[in-house]
N, C-alpha and C. Protein backbone atom coordinates (compact mmCIF):
# COMPACT_ATOMS: atom_id res chain seq x y z
N MET A 1 63.39 92.91 101.89
CA MET A 1 64.12 91.69 101.60
C MET A 1 65.50 91.83 102.22
N MET A 2 65.99 90.78 102.86
CA MET A 2 67.27 90.82 103.55
C MET A 2 68.18 89.71 103.05
N CYS A 3 69.50 89.95 103.11
CA CYS A 3 70.45 88.86 102.88
C CYS A 3 70.31 87.92 104.06
N MET A 4 70.33 86.64 103.83
CA MET A 4 70.15 85.68 104.92
C MET A 4 71.51 85.27 105.48
N LEU A 5 71.67 85.45 106.77
CA LEU A 5 72.89 85.09 107.49
C LEU A 5 72.53 84.32 108.74
N LEU A 6 73.49 83.61 109.28
CA LEU A 6 73.26 82.97 110.57
C LEU A 6 73.23 84.02 111.67
N ASP A 7 73.96 85.10 111.49
CA ASP A 7 74.00 86.17 112.48
C ASP A 7 73.15 87.34 111.97
N PRO A 8 71.90 87.49 112.45
CA PRO A 8 71.03 88.54 111.94
C PRO A 8 71.57 89.95 112.17
N ALA A 9 72.44 90.12 113.16
CA ALA A 9 72.99 91.46 113.43
C ALA A 9 73.88 91.92 112.28
N ARG A 10 74.39 91.00 111.49
CA ARG A 10 75.28 91.36 110.38
C ARG A 10 74.55 91.41 109.04
N THR A 11 73.25 91.26 109.06
CA THR A 11 72.47 91.25 107.83
C THR A 11 72.28 92.67 107.33
N ARG A 12 72.49 92.87 106.04
CA ARG A 12 72.29 94.18 105.42
C ARG A 12 71.03 94.11 104.55
N PRO A 13 70.21 95.16 104.59
CA PRO A 13 69.04 95.15 103.71
C PRO A 13 69.47 95.28 102.25
N LEU A 14 68.75 94.63 101.37
CA LEU A 14 69.01 94.79 99.95
C LEU A 14 68.37 96.10 99.50
N ARG A 15 69.05 96.82 98.67
CA ARG A 15 68.53 98.09 98.17
C ARG A 15 68.36 97.97 96.66
N SER A 16 67.34 98.63 96.14
CA SER A 16 67.16 98.58 94.69
C SER A 16 67.94 99.71 94.06
N SER A 17 69.11 99.40 93.56
CA SER A 17 69.98 100.39 92.94
C SER A 17 70.80 99.71 91.86
N PRO A 18 70.79 100.25 90.64
CA PRO A 18 71.60 99.63 89.60
C PRO A 18 73.10 99.71 89.88
N PHE A 19 73.49 100.60 90.81
CA PHE A 19 74.89 100.79 91.16
C PHE A 19 75.53 99.51 91.66
N TRP A 20 74.81 98.77 92.47
CA TRP A 20 75.39 97.58 93.09
C TRP A 20 74.78 96.28 92.61
N SER A 21 73.70 96.35 91.89
CA SER A 21 72.91 95.15 91.65
C SER A 21 73.67 94.05 90.91
N SER A 22 74.55 94.38 89.99
CA SER A 22 75.19 93.32 89.22
C SER A 22 75.95 92.35 90.11
N ARG A 23 76.75 92.83 91.03
CA ARG A 23 77.53 91.95 91.89
C ARG A 23 76.65 91.21 92.89
N LEU A 24 75.83 91.94 93.62
CA LEU A 24 75.07 91.32 94.69
C LEU A 24 74.00 90.40 94.15
N VAL A 25 73.27 90.82 93.15
CA VAL A 25 72.21 89.98 92.63
C VAL A 25 72.79 88.73 91.98
N ASP A 26 73.88 88.89 91.22
CA ASP A 26 74.53 87.72 90.64
C ASP A 26 74.91 86.73 91.72
N PHE A 27 75.53 87.23 92.78
CA PHE A 27 75.94 86.35 93.87
C PHE A 27 74.73 85.74 94.56
N ARG A 28 73.84 86.60 94.99
CA ARG A 28 72.78 86.18 95.89
C ARG A 28 71.78 85.23 95.26
N TYR A 29 71.35 85.54 94.06
CA TYR A 29 70.22 84.80 93.50
C TYR A 29 70.55 83.87 92.35
N PHE A 30 71.54 84.18 91.57
CA PHE A 30 71.74 83.42 90.36
C PHE A 30 72.96 82.50 90.37
N LEU A 31 74.04 82.93 90.97
CA LEU A 31 75.27 82.17 90.82
C LEU A 31 75.64 81.30 92.00
N TYR A 32 75.55 81.83 93.19
CA TYR A 32 76.18 81.15 94.32
C TYR A 32 75.20 80.69 95.40
N MET A 33 73.91 80.68 95.11
CA MET A 33 72.94 80.24 96.10
C MET A 33 72.00 79.21 95.47
N GLY A 34 71.50 78.32 96.27
CA GLY A 34 70.47 77.40 95.82
C GLY A 34 70.97 76.21 95.03
N ALA A 35 70.02 75.48 94.48
CA ALA A 35 70.32 74.27 93.73
C ALA A 35 71.20 74.59 92.52
N GLY A 36 72.18 73.76 92.30
CA GLY A 36 73.06 73.95 91.15
C GLY A 36 74.00 75.13 91.28
N MET A 37 74.24 75.56 92.51
CA MET A 37 75.09 76.74 92.70
C MET A 37 76.51 76.51 92.22
N ARG A 38 77.14 77.60 91.81
CA ARG A 38 78.51 77.54 91.32
C ARG A 38 79.47 77.32 92.48
N GLN A 39 80.58 76.74 92.18
CA GLN A 39 81.60 76.47 93.20
C GLN A 39 82.92 77.16 92.88
N ASP A 40 82.96 77.99 91.86
CA ASP A 40 84.21 78.62 91.43
C ASP A 40 84.49 79.93 92.16
N TYR A 41 84.55 79.85 93.48
CA TYR A 41 84.79 81.05 94.29
C TYR A 41 86.14 81.68 93.96
N ASP A 42 87.10 80.87 93.58
CA ASP A 42 88.42 81.41 93.24
C ASP A 42 88.35 82.32 92.02
N VAL A 43 87.53 81.99 91.04
CA VAL A 43 87.37 82.84 89.86
C VAL A 43 86.70 84.15 90.26
N TYR A 44 85.65 84.06 91.07
CA TYR A 44 84.95 85.26 91.54
C TYR A 44 85.91 86.16 92.30
N ALA A 45 86.70 85.57 93.19
CA ALA A 45 87.65 86.35 93.98
C ALA A 45 88.74 86.96 93.11
N LYS A 46 89.15 86.27 92.07
CA LYS A 46 90.18 86.82 91.18
C LYS A 46 89.65 88.05 90.45
N ILE A 47 88.41 88.01 90.02
CA ILE A 47 87.82 89.13 89.28
C ILE A 47 87.44 90.27 90.22
N ASN A 48 86.88 89.95 91.38
CA ASN A 48 86.34 90.97 92.28
C ASN A 48 87.22 91.26 93.49
N GLY A 49 88.23 90.46 93.72
CA GLY A 49 89.14 90.72 94.83
C GLY A 49 88.71 90.13 96.15
N LEU A 50 87.45 89.81 96.29
CA LEU A 50 86.90 89.28 97.53
C LEU A 50 85.96 88.12 97.21
N LEU A 51 85.74 87.27 98.19
CA LEU A 51 84.78 86.18 98.01
C LEU A 51 83.37 86.75 97.91
N PRO A 52 82.46 86.03 97.26
CA PRO A 52 81.10 86.54 97.11
C PRO A 52 80.40 86.81 98.44
N SER A 53 80.64 85.98 99.44
CA SER A 53 80.00 86.19 100.74
C SER A 53 80.47 87.49 101.39
N VAL A 54 81.72 87.86 101.20
CA VAL A 54 82.23 89.12 101.75
C VAL A 54 81.58 90.30 101.04
N ILE A 55 81.49 90.23 99.72
CA ILE A 55 80.87 91.31 98.97
C ILE A 55 79.42 91.48 99.40
N CYS A 56 78.71 90.39 99.60
CA CYS A 56 77.30 90.47 99.96
C CYS A 56 77.09 90.95 101.39
N PHE A 57 77.89 90.45 102.32
CA PHE A 57 77.58 90.67 103.73
C PHE A 57 78.47 91.67 104.45
N GLU A 58 79.62 91.99 103.93
CA GLU A 58 80.55 92.88 104.63
C GLU A 58 80.66 94.27 104.00
N VAL A 59 80.37 94.38 102.71
CA VAL A 59 80.60 95.63 102.00
C VAL A 59 79.27 96.32 101.73
N ASP A 60 79.19 97.59 102.12
CA ASP A 60 77.98 98.38 101.86
C ASP A 60 77.76 98.42 100.35
N PRO A 61 76.58 98.01 99.90
CA PRO A 61 76.34 97.93 98.45
C PRO A 61 76.39 99.28 97.74
N ASN A 62 76.29 100.37 98.47
CA ASN A 62 76.34 101.69 97.85
C ASN A 62 77.66 102.40 98.09
N SER A 63 78.68 101.66 98.48
CA SER A 63 79.95 102.28 98.85
C SER A 63 80.85 102.53 97.65
N GLU A 64 81.84 103.38 97.89
CA GLU A 64 82.85 103.63 96.86
C GLU A 64 83.68 102.37 96.60
N ALA A 65 83.75 101.47 97.57
CA ALA A 65 84.48 100.22 97.38
C ALA A 65 83.82 99.36 96.30
N ILE A 66 82.50 99.30 96.29
CA ILE A 66 81.80 98.52 95.26
C ILE A 66 82.04 99.13 93.89
N ALA A 67 82.04 100.45 93.80
CA ALA A 67 82.32 101.11 92.52
C ALA A 67 83.72 100.75 92.04
N LEU A 68 84.68 100.72 92.95
CA LEU A 68 86.05 100.38 92.58
C LEU A 68 86.16 98.91 92.17
N ILE A 69 85.51 98.04 92.91
CA ILE A 69 85.51 96.61 92.59
C ILE A 69 84.86 96.38 91.22
N ASN A 70 83.76 97.06 90.96
CA ASN A 70 83.11 96.95 89.65
C ASN A 70 84.02 97.44 88.54
N LYS A 71 84.75 98.52 88.79
CA LYS A 71 85.67 99.05 87.78
C LYS A 71 86.75 98.01 87.48
N HIS A 72 87.32 97.42 88.52
CA HIS A 72 88.34 96.39 88.33
C HIS A 72 87.77 95.22 87.53
N ALA A 73 86.60 94.74 87.92
CA ALA A 73 86.00 93.58 87.25
C ALA A 73 85.72 93.88 85.78
N THR A 74 85.25 95.08 85.50
CA THR A 74 84.94 95.45 84.12
C THR A 74 86.19 95.48 83.25
N ILE A 75 87.25 96.09 83.76
CA ILE A 75 88.50 96.18 83.00
C ILE A 75 89.15 94.80 82.91
N PHE A 76 89.15 94.06 84.01
CA PHE A 76 89.76 92.72 84.06
C PHE A 76 89.10 91.79 83.05
N ALA A 77 87.78 91.87 82.94
CA ALA A 77 87.03 90.96 82.07
C ALA A 77 87.11 91.34 80.59
N ASP A 78 87.54 92.55 80.30
CA ASP A 78 87.63 93.01 78.91
C ASP A 78 88.95 92.54 78.32
N LYS A 79 88.90 91.47 77.57
CA LYS A 79 90.12 90.86 77.02
C LYS A 79 90.78 91.72 75.95
N SER A 80 90.08 92.75 75.48
CA SER A 80 90.68 93.62 74.46
C SER A 80 91.62 94.66 75.07
N LYS A 81 91.60 94.78 76.40
CA LYS A 81 92.45 95.77 77.07
C LYS A 81 93.74 95.12 77.55
N MET A 82 94.83 95.79 77.28
CA MET A 82 96.13 95.38 77.81
C MET A 82 96.37 96.21 79.06
N VAL A 83 96.46 95.56 80.20
CA VAL A 83 96.62 96.30 81.45
C VAL A 83 98.04 96.12 81.97
N PRO A 84 98.60 97.18 82.54
CA PRO A 84 99.95 97.07 83.11
C PRO A 84 99.91 96.32 84.44
N ALA A 85 101.05 95.85 84.88
CA ALA A 85 101.14 95.15 86.17
C ALA A 85 100.69 96.05 87.31
N THR A 86 100.91 97.35 87.17
CA THR A 86 100.50 98.27 88.24
C THR A 86 98.99 98.26 88.45
N PHE A 87 98.23 97.96 87.41
CA PHE A 87 96.77 97.84 87.54
C PHE A 87 96.43 96.75 88.54
N HIS A 88 97.00 95.56 88.34
CA HIS A 88 96.72 94.44 89.24
C HIS A 88 97.33 94.66 90.62
N ASP A 89 98.54 95.18 90.66
CA ASP A 89 99.22 95.41 91.95
C ASP A 89 98.47 96.42 92.81
N SER A 90 98.02 97.51 92.20
CA SER A 90 97.33 98.53 92.99
C SER A 90 95.97 98.04 93.46
N PHE A 91 95.29 97.21 92.66
CA PHE A 91 94.02 96.65 93.11
C PHE A 91 94.25 95.69 94.26
N GLN A 92 95.27 94.85 94.15
CA GLN A 92 95.58 93.91 95.23
C GLN A 92 95.91 94.65 96.52
N LYS A 93 96.66 95.72 96.41
CA LYS A 93 97.01 96.53 97.59
C LYS A 93 95.75 97.13 98.21
N PHE A 94 94.84 97.61 97.37
CA PHE A 94 93.57 98.14 97.88
C PHE A 94 92.81 97.06 98.64
N ILE A 95 92.68 95.86 98.04
CA ILE A 95 91.93 94.78 98.68
C ILE A 95 92.58 94.37 100.00
N GLU A 96 93.90 94.24 100.03
CA GLU A 96 94.59 93.88 101.27
C GLU A 96 94.34 94.92 102.36
N THR A 97 94.43 96.18 102.02
CA THR A 97 94.22 97.25 102.99
C THR A 97 92.76 97.29 103.42
N PHE A 98 91.84 97.08 102.49
CA PHE A 98 90.41 97.04 102.79
C PHE A 98 90.11 95.95 103.81
N LYS A 99 90.71 94.77 103.62
CA LYS A 99 90.53 93.66 104.57
C LYS A 99 91.14 94.01 105.93
N GLU A 100 92.38 94.52 105.91
CA GLU A 100 93.07 94.86 107.16
C GLU A 100 92.28 95.86 107.99
N GLU A 101 91.62 96.79 107.32
CA GLU A 101 90.85 97.82 108.03
C GLU A 101 89.41 97.40 108.28
N ASN A 102 89.10 96.11 108.02
CA ASN A 102 87.79 95.52 108.31
C ASN A 102 86.65 96.15 107.51
N TYR A 103 86.88 96.36 106.22
CA TYR A 103 85.87 96.80 105.27
C TYR A 103 85.15 98.09 105.69
N PRO A 104 85.91 99.15 105.95
CA PRO A 104 85.26 100.39 106.39
C PRO A 104 84.44 101.05 105.27
N GLN A 105 83.46 101.83 105.67
CA GLN A 105 82.64 102.59 104.73
C GLN A 105 83.07 104.05 104.78
N ASN A 106 82.84 104.78 103.74
CA ASN A 106 83.16 106.21 103.66
C ASN A 106 84.63 106.50 103.96
N TYR A 107 85.51 105.62 103.54
CA TYR A 107 86.93 105.77 103.84
C TYR A 107 87.59 106.89 103.05
N LEU A 108 86.98 107.33 101.96
CA LEU A 108 87.60 108.40 101.17
C LEU A 108 87.64 109.72 101.94
N SER A 109 86.72 109.90 102.86
CA SER A 109 86.69 111.14 103.64
C SER A 109 87.78 111.20 104.70
N THR A 110 88.43 110.07 104.98
CA THR A 110 89.46 110.05 106.04
C THR A 110 90.84 110.39 105.53
N ASN A 111 91.07 110.27 104.22
CA ASN A 111 92.38 110.52 103.62
C ASN A 111 93.47 109.65 104.24
N GLY A 112 93.09 108.43 104.66
CA GLY A 112 94.05 107.50 105.25
C GLY A 112 94.64 106.56 104.22
N PRO A 113 95.29 105.49 104.68
CA PRO A 113 95.94 104.54 103.77
C PRO A 113 94.99 103.91 102.75
N LEU A 114 93.76 103.60 103.18
CA LEU A 114 92.82 102.98 102.25
C LEU A 114 92.39 103.96 101.16
N ALA A 115 92.18 105.20 101.52
CA ALA A 115 91.85 106.23 100.52
C ALA A 115 93.01 106.38 99.54
N HIS A 116 94.23 106.32 100.05
CA HIS A 116 95.40 106.41 99.18
C HIS A 116 95.44 105.22 98.20
N CYS A 117 95.18 104.02 98.69
CA CYS A 117 95.15 102.83 97.82
C CYS A 117 94.05 102.94 96.77
N HIS A 118 92.90 103.44 97.18
CA HIS A 118 91.77 103.63 96.27
C HIS A 118 92.18 104.57 95.13
N ASN A 119 92.74 105.71 95.49
CA ASN A 119 93.14 106.70 94.49
C ASN A 119 94.30 106.21 93.63
N ASP A 120 95.20 105.43 94.20
CA ASP A 120 96.30 104.86 93.43
C ASP A 120 95.77 103.91 92.36
N PHE A 121 94.78 103.09 92.73
CA PHE A 121 94.19 102.19 91.75
C PHE A 121 93.52 102.98 90.63
N LEU A 122 92.75 104.01 90.99
CA LEU A 122 92.09 104.82 89.95
C LEU A 122 93.11 105.47 89.03
N TYR A 123 94.23 105.90 89.60
CA TYR A 123 95.30 106.48 88.78
C TYR A 123 95.81 105.45 87.77
N ASN A 124 95.96 104.21 88.22
CA ASN A 124 96.45 103.14 87.34
C ASN A 124 95.41 102.69 86.32
N CYS A 125 94.16 103.11 86.50
CA CYS A 125 93.11 102.80 85.53
C CYS A 125 93.01 103.86 84.44
N HIS A 126 93.69 104.98 84.63
CA HIS A 126 93.59 106.08 83.68
C HIS A 126 93.94 105.60 82.27
N GLY A 127 93.03 105.84 81.36
CA GLY A 127 93.25 105.44 79.98
C GLY A 127 92.82 104.02 79.65
N LEU A 128 92.33 103.29 80.64
CA LEU A 128 91.88 101.90 80.37
C LEU A 128 90.39 101.87 80.11
């Protein structure tokens, strides 16, 4: 089964893994595709940092970026948690850098700016 795109060269195969399924399956099959699809892309982007189409088609579903995005979404959605401004700021910085570097995979092994942003966000999640 493949994500459907106009450009088949950019299509990623769907993998059966609970690690990524919540974001991709929600986007692909239940929320943002087909009859009666949702139009609240701004809400999705606020929670996940990226538009649903970017998460589905640009980000490797098994990447450390998806784990980080899921962590942000989980903490963000938990209204019982009081998060500091650094939580939101560090996530935004990660997303901006991730976009600027064109959604690279395995970036933690490079120890570059994106890896630094990733680790900074995790540091700001400590105790949440």
